[in-house]
Amino acid sequence: MAAESRHDCRPADHRPTASFETLRSRAGLLRRVRAFFDARGFLEVETPCLSADVVVDRHLDPLEVTLPTDVRRPDVGRRLYLQTSPEFHMKRLLAAGAGAIYQIARVFRAGESGPRHNPEFTLVEWYRPGDSYAAGRALLSDLGEALFGLGPAEQLSYGAAFARYVGLDPHSASLAELNRAVAAAGGASLGFAADDRDGRLDYLLVTCVEPRLGVDVPTILYDYPASQAALAQVRPGPPAIAERFELYVRGIELANGYHELLDANELRQRNAANNRLRSVDGKPELPEESRLLAAMQAGLPESVGAALGFDRLVMLATGAETIDQVLAFPIDRA
């Protein structure tokens, strides 16, 4: 009897899902991204895909890898992670004095599959020491203009976007007001936890706000609620504001940026808080200590960083409807 196949292959599964015309467009966009950063004096870097350190986020789930046990090597047999972002390693380079840097990285996130998601994808990430929050947003606007040719981005605060498209102030609205807005948007049956403001805000953002962003020109949405700071600095209030920003083109979120957090103790607190939320969600906790914390304690320079989903960029540039159309071999053909 023949050995059981390890793959569920159909006759055409060996072929790429992207056309060669699309792959040529993809290669051209990669050249344009590199030209943009090279012209501004950024150094292109490469950092590990596999690391003991990992971003601790409630919603980002890394893929785990355990190296085979080898008695000759004390460093194997450990649990490592395929990186959800090159952020930790790039910030370590910043702390060591690298200056302005960018990377075109392969990154990995478990459970992310769909028309705009593949568990392995390409992220363009960059950091420039000395940039202010406004300068970081301006650089992202310049990149969007260079890639799309649609003019400078509209700068729209998170609060102004909610006032315009939802009719409330996301920073001060009561839970009752948020519940009414969610119900009006068709989400009355979603069953959010009683105190989950961010869940309600995210639903309203995705349903009512995002489809209207970047329609005529790219839009940079900025000044998020402090509870959604991730690794961004928080500006004291009231209300307290996360100095975080995102780029939208034709209703699709392309990039996420931060005025970078510099305080190692604050990062420790956020890591612990995110692990508590992961436990509530039934997810495994992630390592809270990292070499990034040591780098921050040594001195991380004031900087702004951002990451752009390159595959989504290719989708928009080529008119593709799904991410599979811009990847040679998505996960089901990998």
C-alpha atoms as a PDB file:
ATOM      1  CA  MET A   1       0.000   0.000   0.000  1.00  0.00           C
ATOM      2  CA  ALA A   2       1.295   3.434  -0.883  1.00  0.00           C
ATOM      3  CA  ALA A   3       2.143   5.699   2.005  1.00  0.00           C
ATOM      4  CA  GLU A   4      -0.618   8.137   2.902  1.00  0.00           C
ATOM      5  CA  SER A   5      -0.042  11.536   1.320  1.00  0.00           C
ATOM      6  CA  ARG A   6       0.903  14.346   3.658  1.00  0.00           C
ATOM      7  CA  HIS A   7      -0.758  16.900   1.379  1.00  0.00           C
ATOM      8  CA  ASP A   8      -4.280  17.348   0.090  1.00  0.00           C
ATOM      9  CA  CYS A   9      -3.245  18.420  -3.399  1.00  0.00           C
ATOM     10  CA  ARG A  10      -5.414  19.002  -6.419  1.00  0.00           C
ATOM     11  CA  PRO A  11      -3.955  18.874  -9.941  1.00  0.00           C
ATOM     12  CA  ALA A  12      -3.540  22.651 -10.333  1.00  0.00           C
ATOM     13  CA  ASP A  13      -2.268  23.358  -6.824  1.00  0.00           C
ATOM     14  CA  HIS A  14       1.328  23.596  -8.027  1.00  0.00           C
ATOM     15  CA  ARG A  15       0.546  26.798  -9.928  1.00  0.00           C
ATOM     16  CA  PRO A  16       0.827  30.304  -8.415  1.00  0.00           C
ATOM     17  CA  THR A  17      -2.362  32.159  -7.556  1.00  0.00           C
ATOM     18  CA  ALA A  18      -0.924  35.511  -8.696  1.00  0.00           C
ATOM     19  CA  SER A  19      -0.440  36.203 -12.389  1.00  0.00           C
ATOM     20  CA  PHE A  20       3.062  37.004 -13.600  1.00  0.00           C
ATOM     21  CA  GLU A  21       1.815  40.463 -14.551  1.00  0.00           C
ATOM     22  CA  THR A  22       0.855  41.003 -10.899  1.00  0.00           C
ATOM     23  CA  LEU A  23       4.178  39.603  -9.696  1.00  0.00           C
ATOM     24  CA  ARG A  24       5.992  42.058 -11.978  1.00  0.00           C
ATOM     25  CA  SER A  25       3.895  44.889 -10.515  1.00  0.00           C
ATOM     26  CA  ARG A  26       4.762  43.627  -7.037  1.00  0.00           C
ATOM     27  CA  ALA A  27       8.475  43.687  -7.848  1.00  0.00           C
ATOM     28  CA  GLY A  28       8.151  47.217  -9.221  1.00  0.00           C
ATOM     29  CA  LEU A  29       6.464  48.407  -6.022  1.00  0.00           C
ATOM     30  CA  LEU A  30       9.265  46.873  -3.959  1.00  0.00           C
ATOM     31  CA  ARG A  31      11.774  48.884  -5.982  1.00  0.00           C
ATOM     32  CA  ARG A  32       9.751  52.066  -5.424  1.00  0.00           C
ATOM     33  CA  VAL A  33       9.557  51.480  -1.669  1.00  0.00           C
ATOM     34  CA  ARG A  34      13.323  50.975  -1.495  1.00  0.00           C
ATOM     35  CA  ALA A  35      13.945  54.053  -3.639  1.00  0.00           C
ATOM     36  CA  PHE A  36      11.753  56.171  -1.356  1.00  0.00           C
ATOM     37  CA  PHE A  37      13.637  55.241   1.816  1.00  0.00           C
ATOM     38  CA  ASP A  38      17.083  55.128   0.197  1.00  0.00           C
ATOM     39  CA  ALA A  39      16.598  58.678  -1.112  1.00  0.00           C
ATOM     40  CA  ARG A  40      15.928  59.844   2.452  1.00  0.00           C
ATOM     41  CA  GLY A  41      19.038  58.266   3.916  1.00  0.00           C
ATOM     42  CA  PHE A  42      17.444  55.263   5.602  1.00  0.00           C
ATOM     43  CA  LEU A  43      19.532  52.124   6.080  1.00  0.00           C
ATOM     44  CA  GLU A  44      17.870  48.878   4.991  1.00  0.00           C
ATOM     45  CA  VAL A  45      18.304  46.220   7.692  1.00  0.00           C
ATOM     46  CA  GLU A  46      17.448  42.575   8.262  1.00  0.00           C
ATOM     47  CA  THR A  47      16.545  41.127  11.647  1.00  0.00           C
ATOM     48  CA  PRO A  48      15.615  37.609  12.834  1.00  0.00           C
ATOM     49  CA  CYS A  49      12.283  36.039  11.943  1.00  0.00           C
ATOM     50  CA  LEU A  50      12.782  33.576  14.812  1.00  0.00           C
ATOM     51  CA  SER A  51      13.330  34.904  18.331  1.00  0.00           C
ATOM     52  CA  ALA A  52      12.743  34.229  22.018  1.00  0.00           C
ATOM     53  CA  ASP A  53      11.215  37.726  22.232  1.00  0.00           C
ATOM     54  CA  VAL A  54       7.828  38.631  20.796  1.00  0.00           C
ATOM     55  CA  VAL A  55       5.343  41.515  20.816  1.00  0.00           C
ATOM     56  CA  VAL A  56       2.833  40.982  23.652  1.00  0.00           C
ATOM     57  CA  ASP A  57      -0.533  41.980  22.202  1.00  0.00           C
ATOM     58  CA  ARG A  58      -4.041  40.829  23.062  1.00  0.00           C
ATOM     59  CA  HIS A  59      -4.969  40.269  19.423  1.00  0.00           C
ATOM     60  CA  LEU A  60      -1.686  39.225  17.742  1.00  0.00           C
ATOM     61  CA  ASP A  61      -0.903  35.524  18.036  1.00  0.00           C
ATOM     62  CA  PRO A  62       2.609  34.433  17.055  1.00  0.00           C
ATOM     63  CA  LEU A  63       3.489  31.021  15.669  1.00  0.00           C
ATOM     64  CA  GLU A  64       5.620  28.994  18.086  1.00  0.00           C
ATOM     65  CA  VAL A  65       8.670  26.970  17.082  1.00  0.00           C
ATOM     66  CA  THR A  66      10.651  24.594  19.305  1.00  0.00           C
ATOM     67  CA  LEU A  67      14.119  23.747  18.066  1.00  0.00           C
ATOM     68  CA  PRO A  68      15.056  20.046  18.283  1.00  0.00           C
ATOM     69  CA  THR A  69      16.875  19.040  21.446  1.00  0.00           C
ATOM     70  CA  ASP A  70      20.631  18.824  20.932  1.00  0.00           C
ATOM     71  CA  VAL A  71      22.864  18.137  23.950  1.00  0.00           C
ATOM     72  CA  ARG A  72      25.773  19.803  22.170  1.00  0.00           C
ATOM     73  CA  ARG A  73      23.854  23.095  21.950  1.00  0.00           C
ATOM     74  CA  PRO A  74      22.472  24.669  25.122  1.00  0.00           C
ATOM     75  CA  ASP A  75      20.490  27.191  23.070  1.00  0.00           C
ATOM     76  CA  VAL A  76      18.202  24.631  21.436  1.00  0.00           C
ATOM     77  CA  GLY A  77      15.135  22.980  22.813  1.00  0.00           C
ATOM     78  CA  ARG A  78      13.765  26.422  23.721  1.00  0.00           C
ATOM     79  CA  ARG A  79      10.401  27.775  22.635  1.00  0.00           C
ATOM     80  CA  LEU A  80      10.887  30.505  20.042  1.00  0.00           C
ATOM     81  CA  TYR A  81       8.469  32.636  18.044  1.00  0.00           C
ATOM     82  CA  LEU A  82       8.126  33.579  14.407  1.00  0.00           C
ATOM     83  CA  GLN A  83       7.823  37.347  14.616  1.00  0.00           C
ATOM     84  CA  THR A  84       4.520  39.188  14.159  1.00  0.00           C
ATOM     85  CA  SER A  85       6.603  42.308  13.400  1.00  0.00           C
ATOM     86  CA  PRO A  86      10.321  43.158  13.302  1.00  0.00           C
ATOM     87  CA  GLU A  87       9.610  45.917  15.848  1.00  0.00           C
ATOM     88  CA  PHE A  88      11.574  44.609  18.842  1.00  0.00           C
ATOM     89  CA  HIS A  89      14.769  43.952  16.911  1.00  0.00           C
ATOM     90  CA  MET A  90      14.607  47.207  14.964  1.00  0.00           C
ATOM     91  CA  LYS A  91      14.218  49.195  18.181  1.00  0.00           C
ATOM     92  CA  ARG A  92      17.250  47.410  19.585  1.00  0.00           C
ATOM     93  CA  LEU A  93      19.154  48.679  16.552  1.00  0.00           C
ATOM     94  CA  LEU A  94      17.860  52.198  17.237  1.00  0.00           C
ATOM     95  CA  ALA A  95      19.075  51.994  20.829  1.00  0.00           C
ATOM     96  CA  ALA A  96      22.499  50.924  19.526  1.00  0.00           C
ATOM     97  CA  GLY A  97      22.725  54.045  17.335  1.00  0.00           C
ATOM     98  CA  ALA A  98      21.602  52.796  13.918  1.00  0.00           C
ATOM     99  CA  GLY A  99      19.837  56.004  12.893  1.00  0.00           C
ATOM    100  CA  ALA A 100      16.981  55.938  10.369  1.00  0.00           C
ATOM    101  CA  ILE A 101      16.251  52.336   9.336  1.00  0.00           C
ATOM    102  CA  TYR A 102      13.715  50.377   7.327  1.00  0.00           C
ATOM    103  CA  GLN A 103      13.046  46.718   6.625  1.00  0.00           C
ATOM    104  CA  ILE A 104      10.990  44.675   4.184  1.00  0.00           C
ATOM    105  CA  ALA A 105      10.209  41.714   6.421  1.00  0.00           C
ATOM    106  CA  ARG A 106       8.396  38.407   6.246  1.00  0.00           C
ATOM    107  CA  VAL A 107       6.181  38.185   9.322  1.00  0.00           C
ATOM    108  CA  PHE A 108       3.777  35.607  10.717  1.00  0.00           C
ATOM    109  CA  ARG A 109       0.470  35.748  12.588  1.00  0.00           C
ATOM    110  CA  ALA A 110      -1.597  32.731  13.589  1.00  0.00           C
ATOM    111  CA  GLY A 111      -5.292  32.663  12.792  1.00  0.00           C
ATOM    112  CA  GLU A 112      -5.122  35.348  10.122  1.00  0.00           C
ATOM    113  CA  SER A 113      -6.661  34.031   6.929  1.00  0.00           C
ATOM    114  CA  GLY A 114      -9.185  35.707   4.667  1.00  0.00           C
ATOM    115  CA  PRO A 115      -9.573  37.992   1.655  1.00  0.00           C
ATOM    116  CA  ARG A 116      -6.989  40.458   3.080  1.00  0.00           C
ATOM    117  CA  HIS A 117      -5.031  38.165   5.407  1.00  0.00           C
ATOM    118  CA  ASN A 118      -2.473  35.364   5.032  1.00  0.00           C
ATOM    119  CA  PRO A 119      -0.609  33.886   8.040  1.00  0.00           C
ATOM    120  CA  GLU A 120       2.712  34.761   6.354  1.00  0.00           C
ATOM    121  CA  PHE A 121       2.913  38.179   4.768  1.00  0.00           C
ATOM    122  CA  THR A 122       5.233  41.070   3.934  1.00  0.00           C
ATOM    123  CA  LEU A 123       5.546  44.116   6.172  1.00  0.00           C
ATOM    124  CA  VAL A 124       7.470  47.301   5.387  1.00  0.00           C
ATOM    125  CA  GLU A 125       8.564  48.816   8.710  1.00  0.00           C
ATOM    126  CA  TRP A 126      10.614  51.939   9.396  1.00  0.00           C
ATOM    127  CA  TYR A 127      11.882  54.167  12.231  1.00  0.00           C
ATOM    128  CA  ARG A 128      13.518  57.587  12.164  1.00  0.00           C
ATOM    129  CA  PRO A 129      15.098  58.977  15.347  1.00  0.00           C
ATOM    130  CA  GLY A 130      14.414  62.636  16.075  1.00  0.00           C
ATOM    131  CA  ASP A 131      11.062  62.771  14.289  1.00  0.00           C
ATOM    132  CA  SER A 132       8.153  64.428  16.050  1.00  0.00           C
ATOM    133  CA  TYR A 133       4.693  62.894  15.990  1.00  0.00           C
ATOM    134  CA  ALA A 134       3.707  65.325  13.210  1.00  0.00           C
ATOM    135  CA  ALA A 135       6.896  64.590  11.221  1.00  0.00           C
ATOM    136  CA  GLY A 136       6.205  60.864  11.386  1.00  0.00           C
ATOM    137  CA  ARG A 137       2.724  61.365   9.970  1.00  0.00           C
ATOM    138  CA  ALA A 138       4.126  63.641   7.250  1.00  0.00           C
ATOM    139  CA  LEU A 139       6.622  60.958   6.209  1.00  0.00           C
ATOM    140  CA  LEU A 140       3.803  58.415   5.907  1.00  0.00           C
ATOM    141  CA  SER A 141       1.821  60.911   3.807  1.00  0.00           C
ATOM    142  CA  ASP A 142       4.855  61.379   1.533  1.00  0.00           C
ATOM    143  CA  LEU A 143       5.205  57.608   1.126  1.00  0.00           C
ATOM    144  CA  GLY A 144       1.527  57.272   0.237  1.00  0.00           C
ATOM    145  CA  GLU A 145       1.862  60.066  -2.306  1.00  0.00           C
ATOM    146  CA  ALA A 146       4.952  58.443  -3.852  1.00  0.00           C
ATOM    147  CA  LEU A 147       3.234  55.073  -4.176  1.00  0.00           C
ATOM    148  CA  PHE A 148      -0.283  56.115  -5.198  1.00  0.00           C
ATOM    149  CA  GLY A 149       0.142  59.574  -6.730  1.00  0.00           C
ATOM    150  CA  LEU A 150      -3.111  60.745  -5.119  1.00  0.00           C
ATOM    151  CA  GLY A 151      -1.741  63.825  -3.367  1.00  0.00           C
ATOM    152  CA  PRO A 152      -1.000  64.466   0.307  1.00  0.00           C
ATOM    153  CA  ALA A 153      -3.049  62.534   2.839  1.00  0.00           C
ATOM    154  CA  GLU A 154      -5.971  64.074   4.676  1.00  0.00           C
ATOM    155  CA  GLN A 155      -5.125  64.283   8.392  1.00  0.00           C
ATOM    156  CA  LEU A 156      -8.208  63.361  10.449  1.00  0.00           C
ATOM    157  CA  SER A 157      -8.280  62.762  14.194  1.00  0.00           C
ATOM    158  CA  TYR A 158     -10.005  59.672  15.587  1.00  0.00           C
ATOM    159  CA  GLY A 159     -12.366  61.937  17.530  1.00  0.00           C
ATOM    160  CA  ALA A 160     -13.263  64.046  14.488  1.00  0.00           C
ATOM    161  CA  ALA A 161     -13.874  60.917  12.392  1.00  0.00           C
ATOM    162  CA  PHE A 162     -16.322  59.533  14.987  1.00  0.00           C
ATOM    163  CA  ALA A 163     -18.064  62.894  15.265  1.00  0.00           C
ATOM    164  CA  ARG A 164     -18.422  63.022  11.469  1.00  0.00           C
ATOM    165  CA  TYR A 165     -19.482  59.440  10.751  1.00  0.00           C
ATOM    166  CA  VAL A 166     -20.962  58.117  14.029  1.00  0.00           C
ATOM    167  CA  GLY A 167     -22.200  61.288  15.703  1.00  0.00           C
ATOM    168  CA  LEU A 168     -20.469  60.923  19.062  1.00  0.00           C
ATOM    169  CA  ASP A 169     -17.236  61.674  20.901  1.00  0.00           C
ATOM    170  CA  PRO A 170     -15.371  58.334  21.246  1.00  0.00           C
ATOM    171  CA  HIS A 171     -13.297  59.638  24.155  1.00  0.00           C
ATOM    172  CA  SER A 172     -16.181  60.734  26.387  1.00  0.00           C
ATOM    173  CA  ALA A 173     -19.256  58.829  25.174  1.00  0.00           C
ATOM    174  CA  SER A 174     -20.995  56.745  27.828  1.00  0.00           C
ATOM    175  CA  LEU A 175     -21.489  53.008  27.433  1.00  0.00           C
ATOM    176  CA  ALA A 176     -25.188  53.682  26.880  1.00  0.00           C
ATOM    177  CA  GLU A 177     -24.347  56.042  23.995  1.00  0.00           C
ATOM    178  CA  LEU A 178     -21.951  53.511  22.517  1.00  0.00           C
ATOM    179  CA  ASN A 179     -24.576  50.777  22.825  1.00  0.00           C
ATOM    180  CA  ARG A 180     -27.115  52.891  20.942  1.00  0.00           C
ATOM    181  CA  ALA A 181     -24.594  53.597  18.193  1.00  0.00           C
ATOM    182  CA  VAL A 182     -23.644  49.914  17.928  1.00  0.00           C
ATOM    183  CA  ALA A 183     -27.320  48.933  17.699  1.00  0.00           C
ATOM    184  CA  ALA A 184     -27.942  51.546  15.009  1.00  0.00           C
ATOM    185  CA  ALA A 185     -24.991  50.085  13.051  1.00  0.00           C
ATOM    186  CA  GLY A 186     -26.464  46.570  13.227  1.00  0.00           C
ATOM    187  CA  GLY A 187     -24.399  45.160  16.075  1.00  0.00           C
ATOM    188  CA  ALA A 188     -27.022  44.878  18.822  1.00  0.00           C
ATOM    189  CA  SER A 189     -26.650  41.079  19.010  1.00  0.00           C
ATOM    190  CA  LEU A 190     -22.851  40.980  19.326  1.00  0.00           C
ATOM    191  CA  GLY A 191     -22.842  40.664  23.106  1.00  0.00           C
ATOM    192  CA  PHE A 192     -19.878  42.788  24.173  1.00  0.00           C
ATOM    193  CA  ALA A 193     -18.664  42.491  27.746  1.00  0.00           C
ATOM    194  CA  ALA A 194     -20.319  45.081  29.990  1.00  0.00           C
ATOM    195  CA  ASP A 195     -17.211  47.290  30.279  1.00  0.00           C
ATOM    196  CA  ASP A 196     -15.688  46.668  26.828  1.00  0.00           C
ATOM    197  CA  ARG A 197     -15.465  50.204  25.410  1.00  0.00           C
ATOM    198  CA  ASP A 198     -12.728  49.287  22.943  1.00  0.00           C
ATOM    199  CA  GLY A 199     -14.718  46.401  21.485  1.00  0.00           C
ATOM    200  CA  ARG A 200     -17.627  48.723  20.806  1.00  0.00           C
ATOM    201  CA  LEU A 201     -15.365  51.426  19.381  1.00  0.00           C
ATOM    202  CA  ASP A 202     -13.618  48.918  17.116  1.00  0.00           C
ATOM    203  CA  TYR A 203     -16.976  47.711  15.799  1.00  0.00           C
ATOM    204  CA  LEU A 204     -18.051  51.292  15.041  1.00  0.00           C
ATOM    205  CA  LEU A 205     -14.679  52.053  13.460  1.00  0.00           C
ATOM    206  CA  VAL A 206     -14.843  49.067  11.123  1.00  0.00           C
ATOM    207  CA  THR A 207     -18.540  49.451  10.308  1.00  0.00           C
ATOM    208  CA  CYS A 208     -19.131  53.195  10.145  1.00  0.00           C
ATOM    209  CA  VAL A 209     -15.782  54.958   9.818  1.00  0.00           C
ATOM    210  CA  GLU A 210     -13.238  52.894   7.865  1.00  0.00           C
ATOM    211  CA  PRO A 211     -15.331  52.482   4.663  1.00  0.00           C
ATOM    212  CA  ARG A 212     -15.400  56.297   4.351  1.00  0.00           C
ATOM    213  CA  LEU A 213     -11.681  56.889   4.799  1.00  0.00           C
ATOM    214  CA  GLY A 214      -9.250  57.473   1.936  1.00  0.00           C
ATOM    215  CA  VAL A 215     -11.948  57.560  -0.737  1.00  0.00           C
ATOM    216  CA  ASP A 216     -10.712  60.567  -2.743  1.00  0.00           C
ATOM    217  CA  VAL A 217      -7.261  61.029  -1.191  1.00  0.00           C
ATOM    218  CA  PRO A 218      -5.435  58.878   1.389  1.00  0.00           C
ATOM    219  CA  THR A 219      -6.480  59.534   4.984  1.00  0.00           C
ATOM    220  CA  ILE A 220      -4.247  59.394   8.059  1.00  0.00           C
ATOM    221  CA  LEU A 221      -6.359  58.742  11.148  1.00  0.00           C
ATOM    222  CA  TYR A 222      -4.550  59.831  14.320  1.00  0.00           C
ATOM    223  CA  ASP A 223      -4.927  60.412  18.088  1.00  0.00           C
ATOM    224  CA  TYR A 224      -6.470  57.131  19.224  1.00  0.00           C
ATOM    225  CA  PRO A 225      -7.945  56.439  22.679  1.00  0.00           C
ATOM    226  CA  ALA A 226      -5.241  55.891  25.308  1.00  0.00           C
ATOM    227  CA  SER A 227      -6.563  52.359  25.888  1.00  0.00           C
ATOM    228  CA  GLN A 228      -5.479  51.508  22.324  1.00  0.00           C
ATOM    229  CA  ALA A 229      -1.922  52.816  22.642  1.00  0.00           C
ATOM    230  CA  ALA A 230      -0.127  49.492  21.968  1.00  0.00           C
ATOM    231  CA  LEU A 231       3.525  50.674  21.904  1.00  0.00           C
ATOM    232  CA  ALA A 232       2.776  54.372  21.389  1.00  0.00           C
ATOM    233  CA  GLN A 233       3.314  57.230  23.805  1.00  0.00           C
ATOM    234  CA  VAL A 234       0.236  58.559  25.615  1.00  0.00           C
ATOM    235  CA  ARG A 235      -0.329  62.312  25.744  1.00  0.00           C
ATOM    236  CA  PRO A 236      -1.868  63.386  29.072  1.00  0.00           C
ATOM    237  CA  GLY A 237      -5.444  64.630  28.931  1.00  0.00           C
ATOM    238  CA  PRO A 238      -8.122  65.058  29.565  1.00  0.00           C
ATOM    239  CA  PRO A 239      -8.744  63.052  27.551  1.00  0.00           C
ATOM    240  CA  ALA A 240      -5.534  61.021  27.469  1.00  0.00           C
ATOM    241  CA  ILE A 241      -4.601  60.320  23.840  1.00  0.00           C
ATOM    242  CA  ALA A 242      -2.443  57.614  22.239  1.00  0.00           C
ATOM    243  CA  GLU A 243      -0.065  59.171  19.719  1.00  0.00           C
ATOM    244  CA  ARG A 244      -0.833  56.526  17.141  1.00  0.00           C
ATOM    245  CA  PHE A 245      -1.845  56.884  13.490  1.00  0.00           C
ATOM    246  CA  GLU A 246      -3.045  54.736  10.588  1.00  0.00           C
ATOM    247  CA  LEU A 247      -3.122  55.209   6.812  1.00  0.00           C
ATOM    248  CA  TYR A 248      -6.280  54.373   4.858  1.00  0.00           C
ATOM    249  CA  VAL A 249      -6.723  54.194   1.103  1.00  0.00           C
ATOM    250  CA  ARG A 250     -10.159  53.420  -0.367  1.00  0.00           C
ATOM    251  CA  GLY A 251     -11.418  52.221   2.990  1.00  0.00           C
ATOM    252  CA  ILE A 252      -8.546  49.793   3.566  1.00  0.00           C
ATOM    253  CA  GLU A 253      -6.111  50.182   6.454  1.00  0.00           C
ATOM    254  CA  LEU A 254      -2.568  50.035   5.060  1.00  0.00           C
ATOM    255  CA  ALA A 255      -0.207  51.259   7.769  1.00  0.00           C
ATOM    256  CA  ASN A 256      -0.010  51.677  11.527  1.00  0.00           C
ATOM    257  CA  GLY A 257       2.430  54.042  13.243  1.00  0.00           C
ATOM    258  CA  TYR A 258       3.430  55.222  16.717  1.00  0.00           C
ATOM    259  CA  HIS A 259       5.213  58.068  18.417  1.00  0.00           C
ATOM    260  CA  GLU A 260       7.289  55.383  20.071  1.00  0.00           C
ATOM    261  CA  LEU A 261       7.066  54.523  23.753  1.00  0.00           C
ATOM    262  CA  LEU A 262      10.416  55.080  25.496  1.00  0.00           C
ATOM    263  CA  ASP A 263       9.646  54.059  29.096  1.00  0.00           C
ATOM    264  CA  ALA A 264      10.669  50.448  29.849  1.00  0.00           C
ATOM    265  CA  ASN A 265       8.584  50.346  33.044  1.00  0.00           C
ATOM    266  CA  GLU A 266       5.492  51.422  31.131  1.00  0.00           C
ATOM    267  CA  LEU A 267       6.129  48.670  28.572  1.00  0.00           C
ATOM    268  CA  ARG A 268       6.346  46.121  31.396  1.00  0.00           C
ATOM    269  CA  GLN A 269       2.977  47.274  32.690  1.00  0.00           C
ATOM    270  CA  ARG A 270       1.399  47.077  29.235  1.00  0.00           C
ATOM    271  CA  ASN A 271       2.844  43.597  28.673  1.00  0.00           C
ATOM    272  CA  ALA A 272       1.349  42.395  31.951  1.00  0.00           C
ATOM    273  CA  ALA A 273      -2.021  43.986  31.151  1.00  0.00           C
ATOM    274  CA  ASN A 274      -2.089  42.391  27.693  1.00  0.00           C
ATOM    275  CA  ASN A 275      -1.278  38.982  29.137  1.00  0.00           C
ATOM    276  CA  ARG A 276      -4.172  39.333  31.584  1.00  0.00           C
ATOM    277  CA  LEU A 277      -6.476  40.071  28.646  1.00  0.00           C
ATOM    278  CA  ARG A 278      -5.042  37.118  26.714  1.00  0.00           C
ATOM    279  CA  SER A 279      -5.862  34.880  29.670  1.00  0.00           C
ATOM    280  CA  VAL A 280      -9.431  36.203  29.710  1.00  0.00           C
ATOM    281  CA  ASP A 281      -9.633  35.345  25.990  1.00  0.00           C
ATOM    282  CA  GLY A 282      -8.328  31.822  26.647  1.00  0.00           C
ATOM    283  CA  LYS A 283      -5.017  32.496  24.904  1.00  0.00           C
ATOM    284  CA  PRO A 284      -1.546  31.519  26.176  1.00  0.00           C
ATOM    285  CA  GLU A 285       0.476  34.230  27.847  1.00  0.00           C
ATOM    286  CA  LEU A 286       3.564  35.539  26.031  1.00  0.00           C
ATOM    287  CA  PRO A 287       6.995  36.351  27.511  1.00  0.00           C
ATOM    288  CA  GLU A 288       6.880  39.720  29.266  1.00  0.00           C
ATOM    289  CA  GLU A 289      10.644  40.151  29.596  1.00  0.00           C
ATOM    290  CA  SER A 290      12.676  40.837  26.463  1.00  0.00           C
ATOM    291  CA  ARG A 291      15.935  42.260  25.199  1.00  0.00           C
ATOM    292  CA  LEU A 292      13.938  45.270  24.020  1.00  0.00           C
ATOM    293  CA  LEU A 293      13.340  46.194  27.660  1.00  0.00           C
ATOM    294  CA  ALA A 294      17.094  46.138  28.253  1.00  0.00           C
ATOM    295  CA  ALA A 295      17.605  48.321  25.166  1.00  0.00           C
ATOM    296  CA  MET A 296      14.985  50.796  26.368  1.00  0.00           C
ATOM    297  CA  GLN A 297      16.655  50.994  29.756  1.00  0.00           C
ATOM    298  CA  ALA A 298      19.970  51.680  28.008  1.00  0.00           C
ATOM    299  CA  GLY A 299      18.293  54.478  26.055  1.00  0.00           C
ATOM    300  CA  LEU A 300      15.872  54.333  23.119  1.00  0.00           C
ATOM    301  CA  PRO A 301      15.980  57.609  21.161  1.00  0.00           C
ATOM    302  CA  GLU A 302      12.884  59.685  20.553  1.00  0.00           C
ATOM    303  CA  SER A 303      11.458  58.402  17.270  1.00  0.00           C
ATOM    304  CA  VAL A 304       8.404  57.653  15.180  1.00  0.00           C
ATOM    305  CA  GLY A 305       7.921  54.287  13.517  1.00  0.00           C
ATOM    306  CA  ALA A 306       5.347  52.761  11.219  1.00  0.00           C
ATOM    307  CA  ALA A 307       4.589  49.493   9.454  1.00  0.00           C
ATOM    308  CA  LEU A 308       2.816  49.098   6.115  1.00  0.00           C
ATOM    309  CA  GLY A 309       1.140  45.928   4.865  1.00  0.00           C
ATOM    310  CA  PHE A 310       2.863  45.461   1.529  1.00  0.00           C
ATOM    311  CA  ASP A 311       0.479  42.800   0.186  1.00  0.00           C
ATOM    312  CA  ARG A 312      -2.496  45.112   0.713  1.00  0.00           C
ATOM    313  CA  LEU A 313      -0.552  47.853  -1.065  1.00  0.00           C
ATOM    314  CA  VAL A 314      -0.156  45.539  -4.059  1.00  0.00           C
ATOM    315  CA  MET A 315      -3.872  44.696  -3.910  1.00  0.00           C
ATOM    316  CA  LEU A 316      -4.812  48.358  -4.129  1.00  0.00           C
ATOM    317  CA  ALA A 317      -2.268  49.121  -6.844  1.00  0.00           C
ATOM    318  CA  THR A 318      -3.377  46.228  -9.066  1.00  0.00           C
ATOM    319  CA  GLY A 319      -7.112  46.182  -8.305  1.00  0.00           C
ATOM    320  CA  ALA A 320      -6.935  42.701  -6.781  1.00  0.00           C
ATOM    321  CA  GLU A 321      -9.957  41.613  -4.755  1.00  0.00           C
ATOM    322  CA  THR A 322      -8.149  39.078  -2.539  1.00  0.00           C
ATOM    323  CA  ILE A 323      -4.666  38.737  -1.111  1.00  0.00           C
ATOM    324  CA  ASP A 324      -4.263  35.397  -2.913  1.00  0.00           C
ATOM    325  CA  GLN A 325      -4.199  37.312  -6.188  1.00  0.00           C
ATOM    326  CA  VAL A 326      -0.986  39.126  -5.190  1.00  0.00           C
ATOM    327  CA  LEU A 327       0.877  36.190  -3.597  1.00  0.00           C
ATOM    328  CA  ALA A 328       2.676  33.529  -5.587  1.00  0.00           C
ATOM    329  CA  PHE A 329       1.726  30.804  -3.108  1.00  0.00           C
ATOM    330  CA  PRO A 330      -0.684  31.658  -0.261  1.00  0.00           C
ATOM    331  CA  ILE A 331      -0.990  29.375   2.756  1.00  0.00           C
ATOM    332  CA  ASP A 332      -3.193  26.748   1.108  1.00  0.00           C
ATOM    333  CA  ARG A 333      -0.596  26.284  -1.661  1.00  0.00           C
ATOM    334  CA  ALA A 334       2.527  26.826   0.415  1.00  0.00           C
END
